[in-house]
Amino acid sequence: MRAKAGLSNPYLQLLVTMVLWGSAFSSSKSVVRYVPPEVAAVLRFGGAALALLVAVRLFGDRGARVSARGGRRAAAAGVLGVFAYNGFFFWGLSQAPSLDAGILIPVMSPILTSAFLLLTGKERAGAARTTGLALGLVGALVFFAGAGSGAEAGSSRLWGDGLFLLSAVCWAGYTLLGSRVLAGADPLRATTYATCTGAVLLAVLAAPDMTKVHWSALPAGVWLNTVYLAVGAAALANLLYYRGVGAVGPANASLMMFTVPVVNTACSTLLLGESFGRLQATGAVVLLCGAALAVTQGRLPTRSTAPATPAERPQADTEMPRHGNTA
């Protein structure tokens, strides 16, 4: 009974989600070492699409439906949040360490989202949020300066980090579209529509490189990583995230996102031997502090007793919902 109660704890579900998302960066890097980035993307999200279809069948609300208009919106979101996001992400992994991706994508996404909302007048620019955004911008500039200098840096790493930044832009846009996509729709089904659309487009993009891969020569570890990314970091993580955010609310859930860079840093350094230079590490710390201040506005959110409505539930993939994704 105690074990069952522990597994039903929403914060435990969110923590498991963050570990799955945080470890997905280094796991994806391991796959990119053996296959072209386009092929790695379609392996992960083709598998994720299949896993989500199974999840809808097993766990989805059988009475829930997505309207034709809602399906089109979800498909359009999939073009941005799955196809474009992962195209840039996996391309970036072929140029730069996964360590950089795990900092730039989940941390820059909420900063970009908040900046857009402020610039369009949809949110107010309080002193704490403005300071946080300014710190985030300074941290990002220092981080990029570190990527272009030092013994372990170079033009390739700087280019890869630029691609990660484009991934963050795509995810921020996907997040901003989330309320429209999820309005009146079952979130699991809407996410499945988006993932399937993105996976099909990724398959079209990867088709020319598919025949160049020596499939029989791929190590077993590549296939294990692919299954883990599809089933664990996509389908299972999304399911746990929806349950967790429904119990504690999106504000509390967004705070849990800041564990993703920590998990990613541990995985990338211990499993792949990647590292930061001093300048990049300094930029990463400033960036994290700025993002945390911008998201929380200097206040810890209170626990929500009412489940989040579909329009409030963040989008999730591998990456930062509502205030940003992970991998």
C-alpha atoms as a PDB file:
ATOM      1  CA  MET A   1       0.000   0.000   0.000  1.00  0.00           C
ATOM      2  CA  ARG A   2       2.821   2.409   0.882  1.00  0.00           C
ATOM      3  CA  ALA A   3       4.615   1.657  -2.393  1.00  0.00           C
ATOM      4  CA  LYS A   4       1.442   2.329  -4.326  1.00  0.00           C
ATOM      5  CA  ALA A   5       0.896   5.598  -2.447  1.00  0.00           C
ATOM      6  CA  GLY A   6       4.469   6.639  -3.174  1.00  0.00           C
ATOM      7  CA  LEU A   7       4.077   6.014  -6.904  1.00  0.00           C
ATOM      8  CA  SER A   8       0.889   8.079  -6.917  1.00  0.00           C
ATOM      9  CA  ASN A   9       2.664  11.084  -5.383  1.00  0.00           C
ATOM     10  CA  PRO A  10       2.509  13.822  -8.063  1.00  0.00           C
ATOM     11  CA  TYR A  11       5.908  15.253  -7.141  1.00  0.00           C
ATOM     12  CA  LEU A  12       7.484  11.817  -7.474  1.00  0.00           C
ATOM     13  CA  GLN A  13       5.842  11.462 -10.888  1.00  0.00           C
ATOM     14  CA  LEU A  14       7.231  14.861 -11.915  1.00  0.00           C
ATOM     15  CA  LEU A  15      10.686  13.995 -10.600  1.00  0.00           C
ATOM     16  CA  VAL A  16      10.721  10.751 -12.608  1.00  0.00           C
ATOM     17  CA  THR A  17       9.668  12.779 -15.664  1.00  0.00           C
ATOM     18  CA  MET A  18      12.539  15.237 -15.183  1.00  0.00           C
ATOM     19  CA  VAL A  19      15.056  12.401 -14.837  1.00  0.00           C
ATOM     20  CA  LEU A  20      13.765  10.827 -18.051  1.00  0.00           C
ATOM     21  CA  TRP A  21      13.920  14.144 -19.919  1.00  0.00           C
ATOM     22  CA  GLY A  22      17.285  15.130 -18.446  1.00  0.00           C
ATOM     23  CA  SER A  23      18.918  11.835 -19.413  1.00  0.00           C
ATOM     24  CA  ALA A  24      17.481  12.014 -22.943  1.00  0.00           C
ATOM     25  CA  PHE A  25      20.104  14.538 -24.097  1.00  0.00           C
ATOM     26  CA  SER A  26      23.090  12.251 -23.541  1.00  0.00           C
ATOM     27  CA  SER A  27      21.124   9.241 -24.748  1.00  0.00           C
ATOM     28  CA  SER A  28      20.313  11.064 -27.998  1.00  0.00           C
ATOM     29  CA  LYS A  29      23.984  12.002 -28.401  1.00  0.00           C
ATOM     30  CA  SER A  30      24.895   8.313 -28.187  1.00  0.00           C
ATOM     31  CA  VAL A  31      22.566   7.548 -31.098  1.00  0.00           C
ATOM     32  CA  VAL A  32      23.860  10.436 -33.238  1.00  0.00           C
ATOM     33  CA  ARG A  33      27.363   9.006 -32.984  1.00  0.00           C
ATOM     34  CA  TYR A  34      26.278   6.061 -35.163  1.00  0.00           C
ATOM     35  CA  VAL A  35      23.606   7.409 -37.516  1.00  0.00           C
ATOM     36  CA  PRO A  36      22.965  10.745 -39.276  1.00  0.00           C
ATOM     37  CA  PRO A  37      21.056  13.263 -37.130  1.00  0.00           C
ATOM     38  CA  GLU A  38      17.956  13.119 -39.362  1.00  0.00           C
ATOM     39  CA  VAL A  39      17.835   9.335 -38.991  1.00  0.00           C
ATOM     40  CA  ALA A  40      18.324   9.570 -35.222  1.00  0.00           C
ATOM     41  CA  ALA A  41      15.410  12.006 -35.012  1.00  0.00           C
ATOM     42  CA  VAL A  42      13.038   9.763 -36.946  1.00  0.00           C
ATOM     43  CA  LEU A  43      14.085   6.688 -34.962  1.00  0.00           C
ATOM     44  CA  ARG A  44      13.240   8.434 -31.720  1.00  0.00           C
ATOM     45  CA  PHE A  45      10.018  10.106 -32.756  1.00  0.00           C
ATOM     46  CA  GLY A  46       8.799   7.369 -35.035  1.00  0.00           C
ATOM     47  CA  GLY A  47       9.077   5.113 -32.009  1.00  0.00           C
ATOM     48  CA  ALA A  48       7.533   7.789 -29.801  1.00  0.00           C
ATOM     49  CA  ALA A  49       4.569   8.089 -32.169  1.00  0.00           C
ATOM     50  CA  LEU A  50       3.970   4.338 -31.967  1.00  0.00           C
ATOM     51  CA  ALA A  51       4.358   4.365 -28.175  1.00  0.00           C
ATOM     52  CA  LEU A  52       1.891   7.255 -27.824  1.00  0.00           C
ATOM     53  CA  LEU A  53      -0.628   5.518 -30.059  1.00  0.00           C
ATOM     54  CA  VAL A  54      -0.405   2.514 -27.734  1.00  0.00           C
ATOM     55  CA  ALA A  55      -0.732   4.840 -24.712  1.00  0.00           C
ATOM     56  CA  VAL A  56      -3.884   6.403 -26.184  1.00  0.00           C
ATOM     57  CA  ARG A  57      -5.306   2.924 -26.708  1.00  0.00           C
ATOM     58  CA  LEU A  58      -4.476   1.745 -23.177  1.00  0.00           C
ATOM     59  CA  PHE A  59      -4.781   4.888 -21.040  1.00  0.00           C
ATOM     60  CA  GLY A  60      -6.697   7.436 -23.100  1.00  0.00           C
ATOM     61  CA  ASP A  61     -10.221   8.533 -22.322  1.00  0.00           C
ATOM     62  CA  ARG A  62     -12.293   6.499 -24.767  1.00  0.00           C
ATOM     63  CA  GLY A  63     -15.013   9.139 -24.738  1.00  0.00           C
ATOM     64  CA  ALA A  64     -12.606  11.949 -25.571  1.00  0.00           C
ATOM     65  CA  ARG A  65     -12.300  13.131 -29.140  1.00  0.00           C
ATOM     66  CA  VAL A  66     -10.288  15.759 -30.969  1.00  0.00           C
ATOM     67  CA  SER A  67     -12.302  17.853 -33.415  1.00  0.00           C
ATOM     68  CA  ALA A  68     -11.165  18.285 -37.008  1.00  0.00           C
ATOM     69  CA  ARG A  69     -10.101  21.846 -36.197  1.00  0.00           C
ATOM     70  CA  GLY A  70      -8.292  20.676 -33.092  1.00  0.00           C
ATOM     71  CA  GLY A  71      -6.554  17.958 -35.093  1.00  0.00           C
ATOM     72  CA  ARG A  72      -5.317  20.502 -37.625  1.00  0.00           C
ATOM     73  CA  ARG A  73      -4.024  22.731 -34.838  1.00  0.00           C
ATOM     74  CA  ALA A  74      -2.254  19.796 -33.202  1.00  0.00           C
ATOM     75  CA  ALA A  75      -0.728  18.817 -36.533  1.00  0.00           C
ATOM     76  CA  ALA A  76       0.482  22.386 -37.090  1.00  0.00           C
ATOM     77  CA  ALA A  77       2.005  22.398 -33.613  1.00  0.00           C
ATOM     78  CA  GLY A  78       3.733  19.130 -34.485  1.00  0.00           C
ATOM     79  CA  VAL A  79       5.430  20.801 -37.439  1.00  0.00           C
ATOM     80  CA  LEU A  80       6.967  23.366 -35.077  1.00  0.00           C
ATOM     81  CA  GLY A  81       7.407  21.446 -31.829  1.00  0.00           C
ATOM     82  CA  VAL A  82       8.404  18.031 -33.183  1.00  0.00           C
ATOM     83  CA  PHE A  83       9.687  18.409 -36.745  1.00  0.00           C
ATOM     84  CA  ALA A  84      11.498  21.779 -36.610  1.00  0.00           C
ATOM     85  CA  TYR A  85      12.523  21.474 -32.951  1.00  0.00           C
ATOM     86  CA  ASN A  86      14.069  18.032 -33.353  1.00  0.00           C
ATOM     87  CA  GLY A  87      15.556  18.781 -36.741  1.00  0.00           C
ATOM     88  CA  PHE A  88      17.621  21.550 -35.143  1.00  0.00           C
ATOM     89  CA  PHE A  89      18.213  19.549 -31.950  1.00  0.00           C
ATOM     90  CA  PHE A  90      19.681  16.434 -33.559  1.00  0.00           C
ATOM     91  CA  TRP A  91      21.659  18.487 -36.062  1.00  0.00           C
ATOM     92  CA  GLY A  92      23.087  20.425 -33.125  1.00  0.00           C
ATOM     93  CA  LEU A  93      24.040  17.174 -31.376  1.00  0.00           C
ATOM     94  CA  SER A  94      26.211  16.265 -34.362  1.00  0.00           C
ATOM     95  CA  GLN A  95      28.180  19.485 -33.803  1.00  0.00           C
ATOM     96  CA  ALA A  96      28.210  20.154 -30.056  1.00  0.00           C
ATOM     97  CA  PRO A  97      28.078  18.234 -26.737  1.00  0.00           C
ATOM     98  CA  SER A  98      24.759  17.182 -25.273  1.00  0.00           C
ATOM     99  CA  LEU A  99      25.900  19.068 -22.164  1.00  0.00           C
ATOM    100  CA  ASP A 100      25.270  22.351 -23.993  1.00  0.00           C
ATOM    101  CA  ALA A 101      21.847  21.232 -25.230  1.00  0.00           C
ATOM    102  CA  GLY A 102      20.735  20.388 -21.715  1.00  0.00           C
ATOM    103  CA  ILE A 103      21.463  23.936 -20.593  1.00  0.00           C
ATOM    104  CA  LEU A 104      20.383  26.035 -23.560  1.00  0.00           C
ATOM    105  CA  ILE A 105      17.128  24.343 -24.549  1.00  0.00           C
ATOM    106  CA  PRO A 106      15.310  23.861 -21.222  1.00  0.00           C
ATOM    107  CA  VAL A 107      16.552  27.159 -19.780  1.00  0.00           C
ATOM    108  CA  MET A 108      16.263  29.455 -22.816  1.00  0.00           C
ATOM    109  CA  SER A 109      12.759  28.200 -23.673  1.00  0.00           C
ATOM    110  CA  PRO A 110      11.051  29.775 -20.620  1.00  0.00           C
ATOM    111  CA  ILE A 111      13.084  32.955 -21.066  1.00  0.00           C
ATOM    112  CA  LEU A 112      12.005  33.275 -24.710  1.00  0.00           C
ATOM    113  CA  THR A 113       8.401  32.465 -23.807  1.00  0.00           C
ATOM    114  CA  SER A 114       8.314  35.090 -21.044  1.00  0.00           C
ATOM    115  CA  ALA A 115       9.997  37.673 -23.272  1.00  0.00           C
ATOM    116  CA  PHE A 116       7.396  37.176 -26.013  1.00  0.00           C
ATOM    117  CA  LEU A 117       4.503  37.484 -23.554  1.00  0.00           C
ATOM    118  CA  LEU A 118       5.956  40.704 -22.171  1.00  0.00           C
ATOM    119  CA  LEU A 119       6.654  42.219 -25.582  1.00  0.00           C
ATOM    120  CA  THR A 120       3.104  41.469 -26.755  1.00  0.00           C
ATOM    121  CA  GLY A 121       1.568  42.888 -23.568  1.00  0.00           C
ATOM    122  CA  LYS A 122       0.033  39.576 -22.489  1.00  0.00           C
ATOM    123  CA  GLU A 123       1.929  39.663 -19.200  1.00  0.00           C
ATOM    124  CA  ARG A 124       3.186  42.500 -17.024  1.00  0.00           C
ATOM    125  CA  ALA A 125       6.865  43.306 -16.704  1.00  0.00           C
ATOM    126  CA  GLY A 126       7.476  43.223 -12.966  1.00  0.00           C
ATOM    127  CA  ALA A 127      10.881  44.123 -11.566  1.00  0.00           C
ATOM    128  CA  ALA A 128      11.774  40.526 -10.692  1.00  0.00           C
ATOM    129  CA  ARG A 129      10.818  39.167 -14.115  1.00  0.00           C
ATOM    130  CA  THR A 130      12.622  41.948 -15.966  1.00  0.00           C
ATOM    131  CA  THR A 131      15.745  41.367 -13.882  1.00  0.00           C
ATOM    132  CA  GLY A 132      15.512  37.635 -14.511  1.00  0.00           C
ATOM    133  CA  LEU A 133      15.220  38.100 -18.272  1.00  0.00           C
ATOM    134  CA  ALA A 134      18.172  40.493 -18.282  1.00  0.00           C
ATOM    135  CA  LEU A 135      20.267  38.004 -16.287  1.00  0.00           C
ATOM    136  CA  GLY A 136      19.221  35.233 -18.657  1.00  0.00           C
ATOM    137  CA  LEU A 137      20.333  37.281 -21.666  1.00  0.00           C
ATOM    138  CA  VAL A 138      23.694  38.062 -20.061  1.00  0.00           C
ATOM    139  CA  GLY A 139      24.167  34.413 -19.109  1.00  0.00           C
ATOM    140  CA  ALA A 140      23.377  33.274 -22.658  1.00  0.00           C
ATOM    141  CA  LEU A 141      25.896  35.745 -24.123  1.00  0.00           C
ATOM    142  CA  VAL A 142      28.595  34.557 -21.710  1.00  0.00           C
ATOM    143  CA  PHE A 143      27.717  30.916 -22.470  1.00  0.00           C
ATOM    144  CA  PHE A 144      28.073  31.472 -26.225  1.00  0.00           C
ATOM    145  CA  ALA A 145      31.325  33.375 -25.698  1.00  0.00           C
ATOM    146  CA  GLY A 146      32.626  30.342 -23.806  1.00  0.00           C
ATOM    147  CA  ALA A 147      31.512  28.011 -26.595  1.00  0.00           C
ATOM    148  CA  GLY A 148      33.654  29.910 -29.068  1.00  0.00           C
ATOM    149  CA  SER A 149      36.819  30.007 -26.951  1.00  0.00           C
ATOM    150  CA  GLY A 150      38.910  27.721 -24.795  1.00  0.00           C
ATOM    151  CA  ALA A 151      40.653  24.404 -25.326  1.00  0.00           C
ATOM    152  CA  GLU A 152      37.454  22.343 -25.738  1.00  0.00           C
ATOM    153  CA  ALA A 153      35.544  24.963 -27.701  1.00  0.00           C
ATOM    154  CA  GLY A 154      35.563  25.914 -31.368  1.00  0.00           C
ATOM    155  CA  SER A 155      33.473  26.839 -34.371  1.00  0.00           C
ATOM    156  CA  SER A 156      31.721  23.441 -34.427  1.00  0.00           C
ATOM    157  CA  ARG A 157      30.587  23.734 -30.805  1.00  0.00           C
ATOM    158  CA  LEU A 158      29.491  27.336 -31.346  1.00  0.00           C
ATOM    159  CA  TRP A 159      27.502  26.322 -34.437  1.00  0.00           C
ATOM    160  CA  GLY A 160      25.881  23.462 -32.552  1.00  0.00           C
ATOM    161  CA  ASP A 161      24.922  25.774 -29.703  1.00  0.00           C
ATOM    162  CA  GLY A 162      23.323  28.109 -32.241  1.00  0.00           C
ATOM    163  CA  LEU A 163      21.211  25.189 -33.464  1.00  0.00           C
ATOM    164  CA  PHE A 164      20.216  24.401 -29.878  1.00  0.00           C
ATOM    165  CA  LEU A 165      19.094  28.003 -29.517  1.00  0.00           C
ATOM    166  CA  LEU A 166      16.900  27.597 -32.618  1.00  0.00           C
ATOM    167  CA  SER A 167      15.440  24.484 -30.975  1.00  0.00           C
ATOM    168  CA  ALA A 168      14.602  26.599 -27.924  1.00  0.00           C
ATOM    169  CA  VAL A 169      12.901  29.165 -30.181  1.00  0.00           C
ATOM    170  CA  CYS A 170      10.812  26.393 -31.754  1.00  0.00           C
ATOM    171  CA  TRP A 171       9.825  24.996 -28.369  1.00  0.00           C
ATOM    172  CA  ALA A 172       8.902  28.430 -27.052  1.00  0.00           C
ATOM    173  CA  GLY A 173       6.611  28.865 -30.063  1.00  0.00           C
ATOM    174  CA  TYR A 174       5.167  25.398 -29.485  1.00  0.00           C
ATOM    175  CA  THR A 175       4.521  26.310 -25.846  1.00  0.00           C
ATOM    176  CA  LEU A 176       2.767  29.530 -26.818  1.00  0.00           C
ATOM    177  CA  LEU A 177       0.514  27.561 -29.171  1.00  0.00           C
ATOM    178  CA  GLY A 178      -0.255  25.056 -26.431  1.00  0.00           C
ATOM    179  CA  SER A 179      -3.358  26.726 -24.999  1.00  0.00           C
ATOM    180  CA  ARG A 180      -5.001  26.835 -28.439  1.00  0.00           C
ATOM    181  CA  VAL A 181      -4.036  23.271 -29.266  1.00  0.00           C
ATOM    182  CA  LEU A 182      -5.258  21.900 -25.941  1.00  0.00           C
ATOM    183  CA  ALA A 183      -8.414  24.035 -25.654  1.00  0.00           C
ATOM    184  CA  GLY A 184     -11.234  21.540 -25.314  1.00  0.00           C
ATOM    185  CA  ALA A 185      -9.004  18.624 -26.403  1.00  0.00           C
ATOM    186  CA  ASP A 186      -7.707  15.561 -24.625  1.00  0.00           C
ATOM    187  CA  PRO A 187      -4.003  16.429 -24.055  1.00  0.00           C
ATOM    188  CA  LEU A 188      -2.715  12.899 -24.639  1.00  0.00           C
ATOM    189  CA  ARG A 189      -4.540  12.628 -27.968  1.00  0.00           C
ATOM    190  CA  ALA A 190      -3.496  16.123 -29.046  1.00  0.00           C
ATOM    191  CA  THR A 191       0.144  15.345 -28.235  1.00  0.00           C
ATOM    192  CA  THR A 192      -0.144  12.083 -30.156  1.00  0.00           C
ATOM    193  CA  TYR A 193      -1.475  13.937 -33.216  1.00  0.00           C
ATOM    194  CA  ALA A 194       1.390  16.417 -33.023  1.00  0.00           C
ATOM    195  CA  THR A 195       4.023  13.710 -32.543  1.00  0.00           C
ATOM    196  CA  CYS A 196       2.725  11.606 -35.427  1.00  0.00           C
ATOM    197  CA  THR A 197       2.709  14.614 -37.763  1.00  0.00           C
ATOM    198  CA  GLY A 198       6.247  15.573 -36.817  1.00  0.00           C
ATOM    199  CA  ALA A 199       7.453  11.978 -37.111  1.00  0.00           C
ATOM    200  CA  VAL A 200       6.103  11.667 -40.665  1.00  0.00           C
ATOM    201  CA  LEU A 201       7.875  14.881 -41.723  1.00  0.00           C
ATOM    202  CA  LEU A 202      11.095  13.752 -40.043  1.00  0.00           C
ATOM    203  CA  ALA A 203      10.843  10.459 -41.960  1.00  0.00           C
ATOM    204  CA  VAL A 204      10.536  12.367 -45.252  1.00  0.00           C
ATOM    205  CA  LEU A 205      13.584  14.456 -44.334  1.00  0.00           C
ATOM    206  CA  ALA A 206      15.601  11.381 -43.317  1.00  0.00           C
ATOM    207  CA  ALA A 207      14.603   9.209 -46.303  1.00  0.00           C
ATOM    208  CA  PRO A 208      17.738   9.955 -48.412  1.00  0.00           C
ATOM    209  CA  ASP A 209      20.018   8.956 -45.506  1.00  0.00           C
ATOM    210  CA  MET A 210      18.086   5.837 -44.507  1.00  0.00           C
ATOM    211  CA  THR A 211      19.732   3.733 -47.225  1.00  0.00           C
ATOM    212  CA  LYS A 212      23.215   4.894 -46.167  1.00  0.00           C
ATOM    213  CA  VAL A 213      22.929   3.387 -42.688  1.00  0.00           C
ATOM    214  CA  HIS A 214      24.401  -0.078 -42.160  1.00  0.00           C
ATOM    215  CA  TRP A 215      21.530  -1.236 -39.990  1.00  0.00           C
ATOM    216  CA  SER A 216      22.896  -4.705 -39.252  1.00  0.00           C
ATOM    217  CA  ALA A 217      26.154  -3.212 -37.985  1.00  0.00           C
ATOM    218  CA  LEU A 218      24.560  -0.910 -35.405  1.00  0.00           C
ATOM    219  CA  PRO A 219      25.500  -1.855 -31.829  1.00  0.00           C
ATOM    220  CA  ALA A 220      22.793  -3.136 -29.525  1.00  0.00           C
ATOM    221  CA  GLY A 221      23.277  -0.025 -27.406  1.00  0.00           C
ATOM    222  CA  VAL A 222      21.925   2.169 -30.214  1.00  0.00           C
ATOM    223  CA  TRP A 223      18.688   0.200 -30.326  1.00  0.00           C
ATOM    224  CA  LEU A 224      18.388   0.174 -26.531  1.00  0.00           C
ATOM    225  CA  ASN A 225      18.877   3.949 -26.455  1.00  0.00           C
ATOM    226  CA  THR A 226      16.269   4.392 -29.191  1.00  0.00           C
ATOM    227  CA  VAL A 227      13.700   2.312 -27.286  1.00  0.00           C
ATOM    228  CA  TYR A 228      14.482   4.222 -24.105  1.00  0.00           C
ATOM    229  CA  LEU A 229      14.070   7.594 -25.841  1.00  0.00           C
ATOM    230  CA  ALA A 230      10.793   6.604 -27.495  1.00  0.00           C
ATOM    231  CA  VAL A 231       9.112   4.744 -24.652  1.00  0.00           C
ATOM    232  CA  GLY A 232      10.719   6.320 -21.596  1.00  0.00           C
ATOM    233  CA  ALA A 233      11.582   9.920 -22.493  1.00  0.00           C
ATOM    234  CA  ALA A 234       8.504  10.423 -24.669  1.00  0.00           C
ATOM    235  CA  ALA A 235       5.472   8.227 -23.949  1.00  0.00           C
ATOM    236  CA  LEU A 236       6.006   7.400 -20.244  1.00  0.00           C
ATOM    237  CA  ALA A 237       7.374  10.847 -19.377  1.00  0.00           C
ATOM    238  CA  ASN A 238       4.394  12.561 -21.002  1.00  0.00           C
ATOM    239  CA  LEU A 239       1.924  10.344 -19.184  1.00  0.00           C
ATOM    240  CA  LEU A 240       3.544  10.972 -15.794  1.00  0.00           C
ATOM    241  CA  TYR A 241       3.837  14.689 -16.500  1.00  0.00           C
ATOM    242  CA  TYR A 242       0.144  15.081 -17.327  1.00  0.00           C
ATOM    243  CA  ARG A 243      -0.798  13.321 -14.107  1.00  0.00           C
ATOM    244  CA  GLY A 244       1.637  15.342 -12.025  1.00  0.00           C
ATOM    245  CA  VAL A 245       0.728  18.739 -13.453  1.00  0.00           C
ATOM    246  CA  GLY A 246      -2.959  17.963 -13.060  1.00  0.00           C
ATOM    247  CA  ALA A 247      -2.401  17.461  -9.338  1.00  0.00           C
ATOM    248  CA  VAL A 248      -0.010  20.302  -8.442  1.00  0.00           C
ATOM    249  CA  GLY A 249      -0.686  22.824 -11.216  1.00  0.00           C
ATOM    250  CA  PRO A 250       1.558  24.175 -13.980  1.00  0.00           C
ATOM    251  CA  ALA A 251       3.344  26.734 -11.759  1.00  0.00           C
ATOM    252  CA  ASN A 252       4.758  24.109  -9.406  1.00  0.00           C
ATOM    253  CA  ALA A 253       5.476  21.786 -12.324  1.00  0.00           C
ATOM    254  CA  SER A 254       7.482  24.486 -14.086  1.00  0.00           C
ATOM    255  CA  LEU A 255       9.803  24.747 -11.066  1.00  0.00           C
ATOM    256  CA  MET A 256      10.603  21.053 -11.375  1.00  0.00           C
ATOM    257  CA  MET A 257      11.963  21.788 -14.862  1.00  0.00           C
ATOM    258  CA  PHE A 258      15.102  23.272 -13.358  1.00  0.00           C
ATOM    259  CA  THR A 259      16.186  19.784 -12.289  1.00  0.00           C
ATOM    260  CA  VAL A 260      16.544  18.838 -15.986  1.00  0.00           C
ATOM    261  CA  PRO A 261      19.880  20.674 -16.506  1.00  0.00           C
ATOM    262  CA  VAL A 262      21.197  19.100 -13.302  1.00  0.00           C
ATOM    263  CA  VAL A 263      20.304  15.578 -14.439  1.00  0.00           C
ATOM    264  CA  ASN A 264      21.663  16.264 -17.922  1.00  0.00           C
ATOM    265  CA  THR A 265      24.958  17.623 -16.574  1.00  0.00           C
ATOM    266  CA  ALA A 266      25.437  14.512 -14.433  1.00  0.00           C
ATOM    267  CA  CYS A 267      24.657  12.158 -17.341  1.00  0.00           C
ATOM    268  CA  SER A 268      26.767  14.023 -19.904  1.00  0.00           C
ATOM    269  CA  THR A 269      29.838  14.302 -17.667  1.00  0.00           C
ATOM    270  CA  LEU A 270      29.697  10.808 -16.164  1.00  0.00           C
ATOM    271  CA  LEU A 271      28.552   8.806 -19.200  1.00  0.00           C
ATOM    272  CA  LEU A 272      29.997  10.771 -22.135  1.00  0.00           C
ATOM    273  CA  GLY A 273      32.945  12.537 -20.532  1.00  0.00           C
ATOM    274  CA  GLU A 274      31.762  15.983 -21.695  1.00  0.00           C
ATOM    275  CA  SER A 275      32.706  19.160 -19.846  1.00  0.00           C
ATOM    276  CA  PHE A 276      32.322  22.930 -19.692  1.00  0.00           C
ATOM    277  CA  GLY A 277      35.064  25.518 -19.809  1.00  0.00           C
ATOM    278  CA  ARG A 278      35.086  28.036 -16.945  1.00  0.00           C
ATOM    279  CA  LEU A 279      33.467  30.761 -19.025  1.00  0.00           C
ATOM    280  CA  GLN A 280      30.671  28.468 -20.212  1.00  0.00           C
ATOM    281  CA  ALA A 281      30.066  27.206 -16.691  1.00  0.00           C
ATOM    282  CA  THR A 282      29.782  30.785 -15.432  1.00  0.00           C
ATOM    283  CA  GLY A 283      27.317  31.629 -18.197  1.00  0.00           C
ATOM    284  CA  ALA A 284      25.273  28.513 -17.406  1.00  0.00           C
ATOM    285  CA  VAL A 285      24.939  29.482 -13.724  1.00  0.00           C
ATOM    286  CA  VAL A 286      23.888  33.054 -14.572  1.00  0.00           C
ATOM    287  CA  LEU A 287      21.452  31.749 -17.192  1.00  0.00           C
ATOM    288  CA  LEU A 288      19.853  29.320 -14.724  1.00  0.00           C
ATOM    289  CA  CYS A 289      19.503  31.999 -12.053  1.00  0.00           C
ATOM    290  CA  GLY A 290      17.947  34.433 -14.528  1.00  0.00           C
ATOM    291  CA  ALA A 291      15.468  31.866 -15.822  1.00  0.00           C
ATOM    292  CA  ALA A 292      14.446  30.828 -12.311  1.00  0.00           C
ATOM    293  CA  LEU A 293      13.874  34.468 -11.338  1.00  0.00           C
ATOM    294  CA  ALA A 294      11.911  35.195 -14.523  1.00  0.00           C
ATOM    295  CA  VAL A 295       9.652  32.155 -14.075  1.00  0.00           C
ATOM    296  CA  THR A 296       9.023  32.471 -10.327  1.00  0.00           C
ATOM    297  CA  GLN A 297       9.156  36.309 -10.218  1.00  0.00           C
ATOM    298  CA  GLY A 298      10.840  35.917  -6.841  1.00  0.00           C
ATOM    299  CA  ARG A 299       7.921  33.961  -5.339  1.00  0.00           C
ATOM    300  CA  LEU A 300       7.412  30.257  -4.822  1.00  0.00           C
ATOM    301  CA  PRO A 301       3.995  29.198  -6.177  1.00  0.00           C
ATOM    302  CA  THR A 302       1.512  27.661  -3.766  1.00  0.00           C
ATOM    303  CA  ARG A 303       0.230  24.165  -4.222  1.00  0.00           C
ATOM    304  CA  SER A 304      -2.805  23.954  -6.471  1.00  0.00           C
ATOM    305  CA  THR A 305      -5.650  21.876  -5.099  1.00  0.00           C
ATOM    306  CA  ALA A 306      -7.684  21.850  -8.288  1.00  0.00           C
ATOM    307  CA  PRO A 307      -6.564  19.883 -11.340  1.00  0.00           C
ATOM    308  CA  ALA A 308      -5.286  21.926 -14.245  1.00  0.00           C
ATOM    309  CA  THR A 309      -7.718  22.448 -17.084  1.00  0.00           C
ATOM    310  CA  PRO A 310      -6.756  21.262 -20.584  1.00  0.00           C
ATOM    311  CA  ALA A 311      -5.946  24.838 -21.594  1.00  0.00           C
ATOM    312  CA  GLU A 312      -3.592  25.171 -18.617  1.00  0.00           C
ATOM    313  CA  ARG A 313      -1.746  21.913 -19.152  1.00  0.00           C
ATOM    314  CA  PRO A 314       1.665  22.385 -20.700  1.00  0.00           C
ATOM    315  CA  GLN A 315       2.818  20.611 -23.786  1.00  0.00           C
ATOM    316  CA  ALA A 316       5.385  17.950 -23.134  1.00  0.00           C
ATOM    317  CA  ASP A 317       7.844  15.931 -25.385  1.00  0.00           C
ATOM    318  CA  THR A 318      11.609  15.544 -24.119  1.00  0.00           C
ATOM    319  CA  GLU A 319      11.667  18.658 -23.359  1.00  0.00           C
ATOM    320  CA  MET A 320      10.047  22.043 -21.471  1.00  0.00           C
ATOM    321  CA  PRO A 321       6.283  22.371 -21.381  1.00  0.00           C
ATOM    322  CA  ARG A 322       4.474  25.582 -20.655  1.00  0.00           C
ATOM    323  CA  HIS A 323       7.658  27.392 -19.606  1.00  0.00           C
ATOM    324  CA  GLY A 324       9.956  25.408 -21.833  1.00  0.00           C
ATOM    325  CA  ASN A 325      11.019  21.388 -22.964  1.00  0.00           C
ATOM    326  CA  THR A 326      13.864  19.307 -22.585  1.00  0.00           C
ATOM    327  CA  ALA A 327      15.135  16.856 -25.071  1.00  0.00           C
END
